[in-house]
Amino acid sequence: MWPEVRSALRQAAWRGALTREHALESLERLESAPIEANAYSTLGRDAWLLAEQLRWAKTYDAEYVALARHLRCRLLTADERLRRGAAHLAEVIGPTER
């Protein structure tokens, strides 16, 4: 649920359908809802900020980058766009690398 809503809000802000402030307010409401999540509490916000920094409309790929940073591990992907975009933010490797 969280990645889907975060991504939809980020995309709406990117397209201009929502102001950045309204989108972030909605994100704050989501994150303060009385629902227990099994994740890092700042993961969503970190993914949002990474998507902004990388100028990505959606937060899906930024979620992976943010999680790799939280876990202090390498991010394995076959997605070259993700790899090129995030290489300076996390250690990103392809499937044939060790």
PDB file of N, CA and C in Angstrom:
ATOM      1  N   MET A   1       0.817  -1.193   0.000  1.00  0.00           N
ATOM      2  CA  MET A   1       0.000   0.000   0.000  1.00  0.00           C
ATOM      3  C   MET A   1       0.865   1.264   0.000  1.00  0.00           C
ATOM      4  N   TRP A   2       1.844   1.314   0.887  1.00  0.00           N
ATOM      5  CA  TRP A   2       2.642   2.545   0.996  1.00  0.00           C
ATOM      6  C   TRP A   2       3.369   2.899  -0.296  1.00  0.00           C
ATOM      7  N   PRO A   3       4.086   1.963  -0.913  1.00  0.00           N
ATOM      8  CA  PRO A   3       4.764   2.331  -2.166  1.00  0.00           C
ATOM      9  C   PRO A   3       3.796   2.789  -3.253  1.00  0.00           C
ATOM     10  N   GLU A   4       2.636   2.152  -3.336  1.00  0.00           N
ATOM     11  CA  GLU A   4       1.663   2.529  -4.359  1.00  0.00           C
ATOM     12  C   GLU A   4       1.169   3.959  -4.149  1.00  0.00           C
ATOM     13  N   VAL A   5       0.791   4.284  -2.913  1.00  0.00           N
ATOM     14  CA  VAL A   5       0.261   5.622  -2.626  1.00  0.00           C
ATOM     15  C   VAL A   5       1.357   6.664  -2.773  1.00  0.00           C
ATOM     16  N   ARG A   6       2.553   6.373  -2.243  1.00  0.00           N
ATOM     17  CA  ARG A   6       3.667   7.328  -2.385  1.00  0.00           C
ATOM     18  C   ARG A   6       3.942   7.606  -3.847  1.00  0.00           C
ATOM     19  N   SER A   7       3.975   6.558  -4.642  1.00  0.00           N
ATOM     20  CA  SER A   7       4.269   6.735  -6.046  1.00  0.00           C
ATOM     21  C   SER A   7       3.179   7.548  -6.746  1.00  0.00           C
ATOM     22  N   ALA A   8       1.934   7.256  -6.431  1.00  0.00           N
ATOM     23  CA  ALA A   8       0.828   8.002  -7.046  1.00  0.00           C
ATOM     24  C   ALA A   8       0.877   9.474  -6.656  1.00  0.00           C
ATOM     25  N   LEU A   9       1.186   9.759  -5.395  1.00  0.00           N
ATOM     26  CA  LEU A   9       1.282  11.156  -4.943  1.00  0.00           C
ATOM     27  C   LEU A   9       2.451  11.864  -5.608  1.00  0.00           C
ATOM     28  N   ARG A  10       3.585  11.194  -5.691  1.00  0.00           N
ATOM     29  CA  ARG A  10       4.768  11.801  -6.326  1.00  0.00           C
ATOM     30  C   ARG A  10       4.489  12.081  -7.798  1.00  0.00           C
ATOM     31  N   GLN A  11       3.831  11.123  -8.471  1.00  0.00           N
ATOM     32  CA  GLN A  11       3.532  11.307  -9.882  1.00  0.00           C
ATOM     33  C   GLN A  11       2.534  12.457 -10.079  1.00  0.00           C
ATOM     34  N   ALA A  12       1.540  12.566  -9.194  1.00  0.00           N
ATOM     35  CA  ALA A  12       0.572  13.662  -9.288  1.00  0.00           C
ATOM     36  C   ALA A  12       1.259  15.011  -9.107  1.00  0.00           C
ATOM     37  N   ALA A  13       2.217  15.075  -8.179  1.00  0.00           N
ATOM     38  CA  ALA A  13       2.968  16.317  -7.964  1.00  0.00           C
ATOM     39  C   ALA A  13       3.854  16.606  -9.176  1.00  0.00           C
ATOM     40  N   TRP A  14       4.482  15.589  -9.707  1.00  0.00           N
ATOM     41  CA  TRP A  14       5.367  15.749 -10.863  1.00  0.00           C
ATOM     42  C   TRP A  14       4.596  16.259 -12.076  1.00  0.00           C
ATOM     43  N   ARG A  15       3.373  15.763 -12.243  1.00  0.00           N
ATOM     44  CA  ARG A  15       2.538  16.187 -13.375  1.00  0.00           C
ATOM     45  C   ARG A  15       1.845  17.520 -13.142  1.00  0.00           C
ATOM     46  N   GLY A  16       1.855  18.005 -11.910  1.00  0.00           N
ATOM     47  CA  GLY A  16       1.203  19.266 -11.604  1.00  0.00           C
ATOM     48  C   GLY A  16      -0.250  19.117 -11.216  1.00  0.00           C
ATOM     49  N   ALA A  17      -0.734  17.882 -11.056  1.00  0.00           N
ATOM     50  CA  ALA A  17      -2.120  17.646 -10.646  1.00  0.00           C
ATOM     51  C   ALA A  17      -2.321  18.005  -9.170  1.00  0.00           C
ATOM     52  N   LEU A  18      -1.264  17.916  -8.386  1.00  0.00           N
ATOM     53  CA  LEU A  18      -1.246  18.337  -6.986  1.00  0.00           C
ATOM     54  C   LEU A  18      -0.037  19.229  -6.777  1.00  0.00           C
ATOM     55  N   THR A  19      -0.149  20.174  -5.871  1.00  0.00           N
ATOM     56  CA  THR A  19       1.044  20.941  -5.517  1.00  0.00           C
ATOM     57  C   THR A  19       1.955  20.036  -4.693  1.00  0.00           C
ATOM     58  N   ARG A  20       3.222  20.350  -4.665  1.00  0.00           N
ATOM     59  CA  ARG A  20       4.172  19.577  -3.860  1.00  0.00           C
ATOM     60  C   ARG A  20       3.719  19.562  -2.403  1.00  0.00           C
ATOM     61  N   GLU A  21       3.247  20.704  -1.914  1.00  0.00           N
ATOM     62  CA  GLU A  21       2.815  20.813  -0.522  1.00  0.00           C
ATOM     63  C   GLU A  21       1.621  19.906  -0.223  1.00  0.00           C
ATOM     64  N   HIS A  22       0.630  19.888  -1.128  1.00  0.00           N
ATOM     65  CA  HIS A  22      -0.533  19.020  -0.921  1.00  0.00           C
ATOM     66  C   HIS A  22      -0.144  17.544  -0.986  1.00  0.00           C
ATOM     67  N   ALA A  23       0.737  17.212  -1.902  1.00  0.00           N
ATOM     68  CA  ALA A  23       1.179  15.827  -2.018  1.00  0.00           C
ATOM     69  C   ALA A  23       1.933  15.401  -0.756  1.00  0.00           C
ATOM     70  N   LEU A  24       2.824  16.269  -0.270  1.00  0.00           N
ATOM     71  CA  LEU A  24       3.572  15.933   0.940  1.00  0.00           C
ATOM     72  C   LEU A  24       2.657  15.873   2.162  1.00  0.00           C
ATOM     73  N   GLU A  25       1.644  16.726   2.216  1.00  0.00           N
ATOM     74  CA  GLU A  25       0.673  16.676   3.309  1.00  0.00           C
ATOM     75  C   GLU A  25      -0.067  15.332   3.283  1.00  0.00           C
ATOM     76  N   SER A  26      -0.442  14.895   2.112  1.00  0.00           N
ATOM     77  CA  SER A  26      -1.112  13.594   1.976  1.00  0.00           C
ATOM     78  C   SER A  26      -0.172  12.464   2.371  1.00  0.00           C
ATOM     79  N   LEU A  27       1.087  12.587   2.000  1.00  0.00           N
ATOM     80  CA  LEU A  27       2.082  11.592   2.386  1.00  0.00           C
ATOM     81  C   LEU A  27       2.227  11.537   3.907  1.00  0.00           C
ATOM     82  N   GLU A  28       2.253  12.686   4.544  1.00  0.00           N
ATOM     83  CA  GLU A  28       2.349  12.728   6.011  1.00  0.00           C
ATOM     84  C   GLU A  28       1.139  12.058   6.661  1.00  0.00           C
ATOM     85  N   ARG A  29      -0.048  12.290   6.097  1.00  0.00           N
ATOM     86  CA  ARG A  29      -1.260  11.637   6.630  1.00  0.00           C
ATOM     87  C   ARG A  29      -1.148  10.122   6.508  1.00  0.00           C
ATOM     88  N   LEU A  30      -0.674   9.662   5.367  1.00  0.00           N
ATOM     89  CA  LEU A  30      -0.494   8.226   5.177  1.00  0.00           C
ATOM     90  C   LEU A  30       0.461   7.662   6.221  1.00  0.00           C
ATOM     91  N   GLU A  31       1.588   8.340   6.384  1.00  0.00           N
ATOM     92  CA  GLU A  31       2.620   7.829   7.291  1.00  0.00           C
ATOM     93  C   GLU A  31       2.224   7.927   8.760  1.00  0.00           C
ATOM     94  N   SER A  32       1.261   8.778   9.093  1.00  0.00           N
ATOM     95  CA  SER A  32       0.822   8.888  10.487  1.00  0.00           C
ATOM     96  C   SER A  32      -0.464   8.100  10.748  1.00  0.00           C
ATOM     97  N   ALA A  33      -0.970   7.409   9.741  1.00  0.00           N
ATOM     98  CA  ALA A  33      -2.179   6.599   9.913  1.00  0.00           C
ATOM     99  C   ALA A  33      -1.902   5.483  10.930  1.00  0.00           C
ATOM    100  N   PRO A  34      -2.919   5.082  11.675  1.00  0.00           N
ATOM    101  CA  PRO A  34      -2.717   4.044  12.697  1.00  0.00           C
ATOM    102  C   PRO A  34      -2.632   2.641  12.088  1.00  0.00           C
ATOM    103  N   ILE A  35      -1.670   2.476  11.192  1.00  0.00           N
ATOM    104  CA  ILE A  35      -1.432   1.193  10.530  1.00  0.00           C
ATOM    105  C   ILE A  35       0.026   0.839  10.772  1.00  0.00           C
ATOM    106  N   GLU A  36       0.271  -0.383  11.224  1.00  0.00           N
ATOM    107  CA  GLU A  36       1.643  -0.786  11.508  1.00  0.00           C
ATOM    108  C   GLU A  36       2.324  -1.290  10.247  1.00  0.00           C
ATOM    109  N   ALA A  37       3.483  -0.750   9.974  1.00  0.00           N
ATOM    110  CA  ALA A  37       4.266  -1.163   8.807  1.00  0.00           C
ATOM    111  C   ALA A  37       5.535  -1.861   9.278  1.00  0.00           C
ATOM    112  N   ASN A  38       5.950  -2.855   8.553  1.00  0.00           N
ATOM    113  CA  ASN A  38       7.205  -3.533   8.861  1.00  0.00           C
ATOM    114  C   ASN A  38       8.277  -3.021   7.912  1.00  0.00           C
ATOM    115  N   ALA A  39       8.729  -1.805   8.176  1.00  0.00           N
ATOM    116  CA  ALA A  39       9.730  -1.178   7.316  1.00  0.00           C
ATOM    117  C   ALA A  39      10.424  -0.081   8.118  1.00  0.00           C
ATOM    118  N   TYR A  40      11.428   0.500   7.519  1.00  0.00           N
ATOM    119  CA  TYR A  40      12.084   1.643   8.125  1.00  0.00           C
ATOM    120  C   TYR A  40      11.110   2.815   8.103  1.00  0.00           C
ATOM    121  N   SER A  41      10.999   3.507   9.196  1.00  0.00           N
ATOM    122  CA  SER A  41      10.006   4.577   9.291  1.00  0.00           C
ATOM    123  C   SER A  41      10.251   5.714   8.306  1.00  0.00           C
ATOM    124  N   THR A  42      11.482   5.916   7.886  1.00  0.00           N
ATOM    125  CA  THR A  42      11.788   7.018   6.961  1.00  0.00           C
ATOM    126  C   THR A  42      11.926   6.553   5.518  1.00  0.00           C
ATOM    127  N   LEU A  43      11.668   5.281   5.246  1.00  0.00           N
ATOM    128  CA  LEU A  43      11.874   4.746   3.900  1.00  0.00           C
ATOM    129  C   LEU A  43      11.057   5.498   2.854  1.00  0.00           C
ATOM    130  N   GLY A  44       9.801   5.736   3.141  1.00  0.00           N
ATOM    131  CA  GLY A  44       8.947   6.425   2.179  1.00  0.00           C
ATOM    132  C   GLY A  44       9.402   7.831   1.887  1.00  0.00           C
ATOM    133  N   ARG A  45       9.733   8.562   2.922  1.00  0.00           N
ATOM    134  CA  ARG A  45      10.211   9.934   2.743  1.00  0.00           C
ATOM    135  C   ARG A  45      11.530   9.931   1.990  1.00  0.00           C
ATOM    136  N   ASP A  46      12.420   9.014   2.337  1.00  0.00           N
ATOM    137  CA  ASP A  46      13.711   8.924   1.652  1.00  0.00           C
ATOM    138  C   ASP A  46      13.521   8.608   0.172  1.00  0.00           C
ATOM    139  N   ALA A  47      12.609   7.683  -0.137  1.00  0.00           N
ATOM    140  CA  ALA A  47      12.340   7.339  -1.537  1.00  0.00           C
ATOM    141  C   ALA A  47      11.767   8.533  -2.284  1.00  0.00           C
ATOM    142  N   TRP A  48      10.899   9.267  -1.622  1.00  0.00           N
ATOM    143  CA  TRP A  48      10.306  10.462  -2.242  1.00  0.00           C
ATOM    144  C   TRP A  48      11.404  11.465  -2.596  1.00  0.00           C
ATOM    145  N   LEU A  49      12.267  11.737  -1.638  1.00  0.00           N
ATOM    146  CA  LEU A  49      13.339  12.716  -1.856  1.00  0.00           C
ATOM    147  C   LEU A  49      14.322  12.242  -2.930  1.00  0.00           C
ATOM    148  N   LEU A  50      14.608  10.940  -2.948  1.00  0.00           N
ATOM    149  CA  LEU A  50      15.478  10.404  -4.008  1.00  0.00           C
ATOM    150  C   LEU A  50      14.827  10.558  -5.373  1.00  0.00           C
ATOM    151  N   ALA A  51      13.528  10.285  -5.465  1.00  0.00           N
ATOM    152  CA  ALA A  51      12.818  10.452  -6.739  1.00  0.00           C
ATOM    153  C   ALA A  51      12.876  11.902  -7.196  1.00  0.00           C
ATOM    154  N   GLU A  52      12.718  12.815  -6.256  1.00  0.00           N
ATOM    155  CA  GLU A  52      12.843  14.241  -6.610  1.00  0.00           C
ATOM    156  C   GLU A  52      14.248  14.547  -7.101  1.00  0.00           C
ATOM    157  N   GLN A  53      15.243  14.087  -6.359  1.00  0.00           N
ATOM    158  CA  GLN A  53      16.634  14.350  -6.707  1.00  0.00           C
ATOM    159  C   GLN A  53      16.982  13.781  -8.083  1.00  0.00           C
ATOM    160  N   LEU A  54      16.470  12.603  -8.387  1.00  0.00           N
ATOM    161  CA  LEU A  54      16.767  11.946  -9.654  1.00  0.00           C
ATOM    162  C   LEU A  54      15.817  12.368 -10.772  1.00  0.00           C
ATOM    163  N   ARG A  55      14.833  13.208 -10.420  1.00  0.00           N
ATOM    164  CA  ARG A  55      13.839  13.709 -11.367  1.00  0.00           C
ATOM    165  C   ARG A  55      13.012  12.583 -11.968  1.00  0.00           C
ATOM    166  N   TRP A  56      12.672  11.616 -11.123  1.00  0.00           N
ATOM    167  CA  TRP A  56      11.810  10.513 -11.523  1.00  0.00           C
ATOM    168  C   TRP A  56      10.385  10.853 -11.132  1.00  0.00           C
ATOM    169  N   ALA A  57       9.433  10.541 -11.986  1.00  0.00           N
ATOM    170  CA  ALA A  57       8.027  10.819 -11.702  1.00  0.00           C
ATOM    171  C   ALA A  57       7.489   9.903 -10.615  1.00  0.00           C
ATOM    172  N   LYS A  58       7.972   8.675 -10.579  1.00  0.00           N
ATOM    173  CA  LYS A  58       7.458   7.681  -9.630  1.00  0.00           C
ATOM    174  C   LYS A  58       8.513   7.326  -8.591  1.00  0.00           C
ATOM    175  N   THR A  59       8.054   6.741  -7.492  1.00  0.00           N
ATOM    176  CA  THR A  59       8.965   6.381  -6.405  1.00  0.00           C
ATOM    177  C   THR A  59       9.329   4.905  -6.380  1.00  0.00           C
ATOM    178  N   TYR A  60       8.771   4.095  -7.289  1.00  0.00           N
ATOM    179  CA  TYR A  60       9.015   2.655  -7.236  1.00  0.00           C
ATOM    180  C   TYR A  60      10.503   2.321  -7.154  1.00  0.00           C
ATOM    181  N   ASP A  61      11.269   2.749  -8.133  1.00  0.00           N
ATOM    182  CA  ASP A  61      12.698   2.431  -8.147  1.00  0.00           C
ATOM    183  C   ASP A  61      13.433   3.102  -6.999  1.00  0.00           C
ATOM    184  N   ALA A  62      12.993   4.281  -6.634  1.00  0.00           N
ATOM    185  CA  ALA A  62      13.624   4.985  -5.512  1.00  0.00           C
ATOM    186  C   ALA A  62      13.442   4.218  -4.202  1.00  0.00           C
ATOM    187  N   GLU A  63      12.365   3.442  -4.087  1.00  0.00           N
ATOM    188  CA  GLU A  63      12.155   2.604  -2.892  1.00  0.00           C
ATOM    189  C   GLU A  63      13.300   1.598  -2.755  1.00  0.00           C
ATOM    190  N   TYR A  64      13.698   0.997  -3.871  1.00  0.00           N
ATOM    191  CA  TYR A  64      14.794   0.026  -3.838  1.00  0.00           C
ATOM    192  C   TYR A  64      16.114   0.698  -3.459  1.00  0.00           C
ATOM    193  N   VAL A  65      16.356   1.856  -4.034  1.00  0.00           N
ATOM    194  CA  VAL A  65      17.589   2.588  -3.732  1.00  0.00           C
ATOM    195  C   VAL A  65      17.609   2.979  -2.260  1.00  0.00           C
ATOM    196  N   ALA A  66      16.503   3.506  -1.766  1.00  0.00           N
ATOM    197  CA  ALA A  66      16.423   3.916  -0.357  1.00  0.00           C
ATOM    198  C   ALA A  66      16.613   2.719   0.565  1.00  0.00           C
ATOM    199  N   LEU A  67      16.000   1.589   0.238  1.00  0.00           N
ATOM    200  CA  LEU A  67      16.142   0.403   1.083  1.00  0.00           C
ATOM    201  C   LEU A  67      17.584  -0.093   1.084  1.00  0.00           C
ATOM    202  N   ALA A  68      18.233  -0.118  -0.069  1.00  0.00           N
ATOM    203  CA  ALA A  68      19.638  -0.531  -0.138  1.00  0.00           C
ATOM    204  C   ALA A  68      20.500   0.384   0.723  1.00  0.00           C
ATOM    205  N   ARG A  69      20.190   1.669   0.706  1.00  0.00           N
ATOM    206  CA  ARG A  69      20.951   2.606   1.539  1.00  0.00           C
ATOM    207  C   ARG A  69      20.700   2.348   3.021  1.00  0.00           C
ATOM    208  N   HIS A  70      19.448   2.096   3.390  1.00  0.00           N
ATOM    209  CA  HIS A  70      19.135   1.794   4.795  1.00  0.00           C
ATOM    210  C   HIS A  70      19.833   0.518   5.258  1.00  0.00           C
ATOM    211  N   LEU A  71      19.844  -0.486   4.393  1.00  0.00           N
ATOM    212  CA  LEU A  71      20.455  -1.770   4.745  1.00  0.00           C
ATOM    213  C   LEU A  71      21.970  -1.780   4.568  1.00  0.00           C
ATOM    214  N   ARG A  72      22.477  -0.725   3.957  1.00  0.00           N
ATOM    215  CA  ARG A  72      23.915  -0.609   3.660  1.00  0.00           C
ATOM    216  C   ARG A  72      24.390  -1.819   2.861  1.00  0.00           C
ATOM    217  N   CYS A  73      23.631  -2.099   1.792  1.00  0.00           N
ATOM    218  CA  CYS A  73      23.980  -3.218   0.927  1.00  0.00           C
ATOM    219  C   CYS A  73      23.940  -2.770  -0.528  1.00  0.00           C
ATOM    220  N   ARG A  74      24.431  -3.623  -1.393  1.00  0.00           N
ATOM    221  CA  ARG A  74      24.401  -3.337  -2.821  1.00  0.00           C
ATOM    222  C   ARG A  74      23.000  -3.582  -3.358  1.00  0.00           C
ATOM    223  N   LEU A  75      22.664  -2.855  -4.399  1.00  0.00           N
ATOM    224  CA  LEU A  75      21.386  -3.016  -5.075  1.00  0.00           C
ATOM    225  C   LEU A  75      21.632  -3.776  -6.373  1.00  0.00           C
ATOM    226  N   LEU A  76      20.999  -4.914  -6.503  1.00  0.00           N
ATOM    227  CA  LEU A  76      21.126  -5.736  -7.698  1.00  0.00           C
ATOM    228  C   LEU A  76      19.955  -5.454  -8.617  1.00  0.00           C
ATOM    229  N   THR A  77      20.253  -5.084  -9.866  1.00  0.00           N
ATOM    230  CA  THR A  77      19.197  -4.809 -10.830  1.00  0.00           C
ATOM    231  C   THR A  77      19.663  -5.100 -12.243  1.00  0.00           C
ATOM    232  N   ALA A  78      18.706  -5.479 -13.074  1.00  0.00           N
ATOM    233  CA  ALA A  78      18.967  -5.632 -14.502  1.00  0.00           C
ATOM    234  C   ALA A  78      18.462  -4.404 -15.257  1.00  0.00           C
ATOM    235  N   ASP A  79      17.919  -3.459 -14.537  1.00  0.00           N
ATOM    236  CA  ASP A  79      17.355  -2.239 -15.121  1.00  0.00           C
ATOM    237  C   ASP A  79      18.469  -1.206 -15.308  1.00  0.00           C
ATOM    238  N   GLU A  80      18.879  -1.006 -16.554  1.00  0.00           N
ATOM    239  CA  GLU A  80      19.985  -0.081 -16.837  1.00  0.00           C
ATOM    240  C   GLU A  80      19.646   1.365 -16.487  1.00  0.00           C
ATOM    241  N   ARG A  81      18.392   1.775 -16.674  1.00  0.00           N
ATOM    242  CA  ARG A  81      18.003   3.139 -16.325  1.00  0.00           C
ATOM    243  C   ARG A  81      18.156   3.361 -14.822  1.00  0.00           C
ATOM    244  N   LEU A  82      17.710   2.412 -14.049  1.00  0.00           N
ATOM    245  CA  LEU A  82      17.865   2.496 -12.598  1.00  0.00           C
ATOM    246  C   LEU A  82      19.341   2.512 -12.234  1.00  0.00           C
ATOM    247  N   ARG A  83      20.087   1.654 -12.848  1.00  0.00           N
ATOM    248  CA  ARG A  83      21.519   1.559 -12.550  1.00  0.00           C
ATOM    249  C   ARG A  83      22.247   2.868 -12.841  1.00  0.00           C
ATOM    250  N   ARG A  84      22.013   3.424 -14.020  1.00  0.00           N
ATOM    251  CA  ARG A  84      22.664   4.692 -14.380  1.00  0.00           C
ATOM    252  C   ARG A  84      22.228   5.822 -13.462  1.00  0.00           C
ATOM    253  N   GLY A  85      20.944   5.880 -13.181  1.00  0.00           N
ATOM    254  CA  GLY A  85      20.417   6.978 -12.379  1.00  0.00           C
ATOM    255  C   GLY A  85      20.866   6.961 -10.936  1.00  0.00           C
ATOM    256  N   ALA A  86      20.979   5.771 -10.371  1.00  0.00           N
ATOM    257  CA  ALA A  86      21.239   5.669  -8.938  1.00  0.00           C
ATOM    258  C   ALA A  86      22.678   5.313  -8.581  1.00  0.00           C
ATOM    259  N   ALA A  87      23.525   5.110  -9.546  1.00  0.00           N
ATOM    260  CA  ALA A  87      24.893   4.656  -9.283  1.00  0.00           C
ATOM    261  C   ALA A  87      25.658   5.591  -8.355  1.00  0.00           C
ATOM    262  N   HIS A  88      25.365   6.872  -8.386  1.00  0.00           N
ATOM    263  CA  HIS A  88      26.087   7.804  -7.519  1.00  0.00           C
ATOM    264  C   HIS A  88      25.467   7.882  -6.114  1.00  0.00           C
ATOM    265  N   LEU A  89      24.349   7.206  -5.901  1.00  0.00           N
ATOM    266  CA  LEU A  89      23.667   7.248  -4.599  1.00  0.00           C
ATOM    267  C   LEU A  89      23.803   5.952  -3.811  1.00  0.00           C
ATOM    268  N   ALA A  90      24.060   4.872  -4.501  1.00  0.00           N
ATOM    269  CA  ALA A  90      24.200   3.562  -3.862  1.00  0.00           C
ATOM    270  C   ALA A  90      25.069   2.698  -4.760  1.00  0.00           C
ATOM    271  N   GLU A  91      25.580   1.618  -4.201  1.00  0.00           N
ATOM    272  CA  GLU A  91      26.341   0.687  -5.023  1.00  0.00           C
ATOM    273  C   GLU A  91      25.336  -0.185  -5.775  1.00  0.00           C
ATOM    274  N   VAL A  92      25.283  -0.013  -7.075  1.00  0.00           N
ATOM    275  CA  VAL A  92      24.321  -0.708  -7.914  1.00  0.00           C
ATOM    276  C   VAL A  92      25.092  -1.655  -8.833  1.00  0.00           C
ATOM    277  N   ILE A  93      24.700  -2.924  -8.814  1.00  0.00           N
ATOM    278  CA  ILE A  93      25.388  -3.916  -9.647  1.00  0.00           C
ATOM    279  C   ILE A  93      24.382  -4.649 -10.526  1.00  0.00           C
ATOM    280  N   GLY A  94      24.909  -5.246 -11.596  1.00  0.00           N
ATOM    281  CA  GLY A  94      24.093  -6.038 -12.501  1.00  0.00           C
ATOM    282  C   GLY A  94      24.148  -7.503 -12.123  1.00  0.00           C
ATOM    283  N   PRO A  95      23.321  -8.331 -12.745  1.00  0.00           N
ATOM    284  CA  PRO A  95      23.236  -9.743 -12.387  1.00  0.00           C
ATOM    285  C   PRO A  95      24.506 -10.553 -12.633  1.00  0.00           C
ATOM    286  N   THR A  96      25.402 -10.081 -13.491  1.00  0.00           N
ATOM    287  CA  THR A  96      26.625 -10.841 -13.774  1.00  0.00           C
ATOM    288  C   THR A  96      27.795 -10.377 -12.918  1.00  0.00           C
ATOM    289  N   GLU A  97      27.579  -9.371 -12.095  1.00  0.00           N
ATOM    290  CA  GLU A  97      28.660  -8.846 -11.265  1.00  0.00           C
ATOM    291  C   GLU A  97      28.642  -9.490  -9.874  1.00  0.00           C
ATOM    292  N   ARG A  98      29.774  -9.430  -9.220  1.00  0.00           N
ATOM    293  CA  ARG A  98      29.866  -9.943  -7.841  1.00  0.00           C
ATOM    294  C   ARG A  98      30.073  -8.821  -6.872  1.00  0.00           C
TER     295      ARG A  98
END
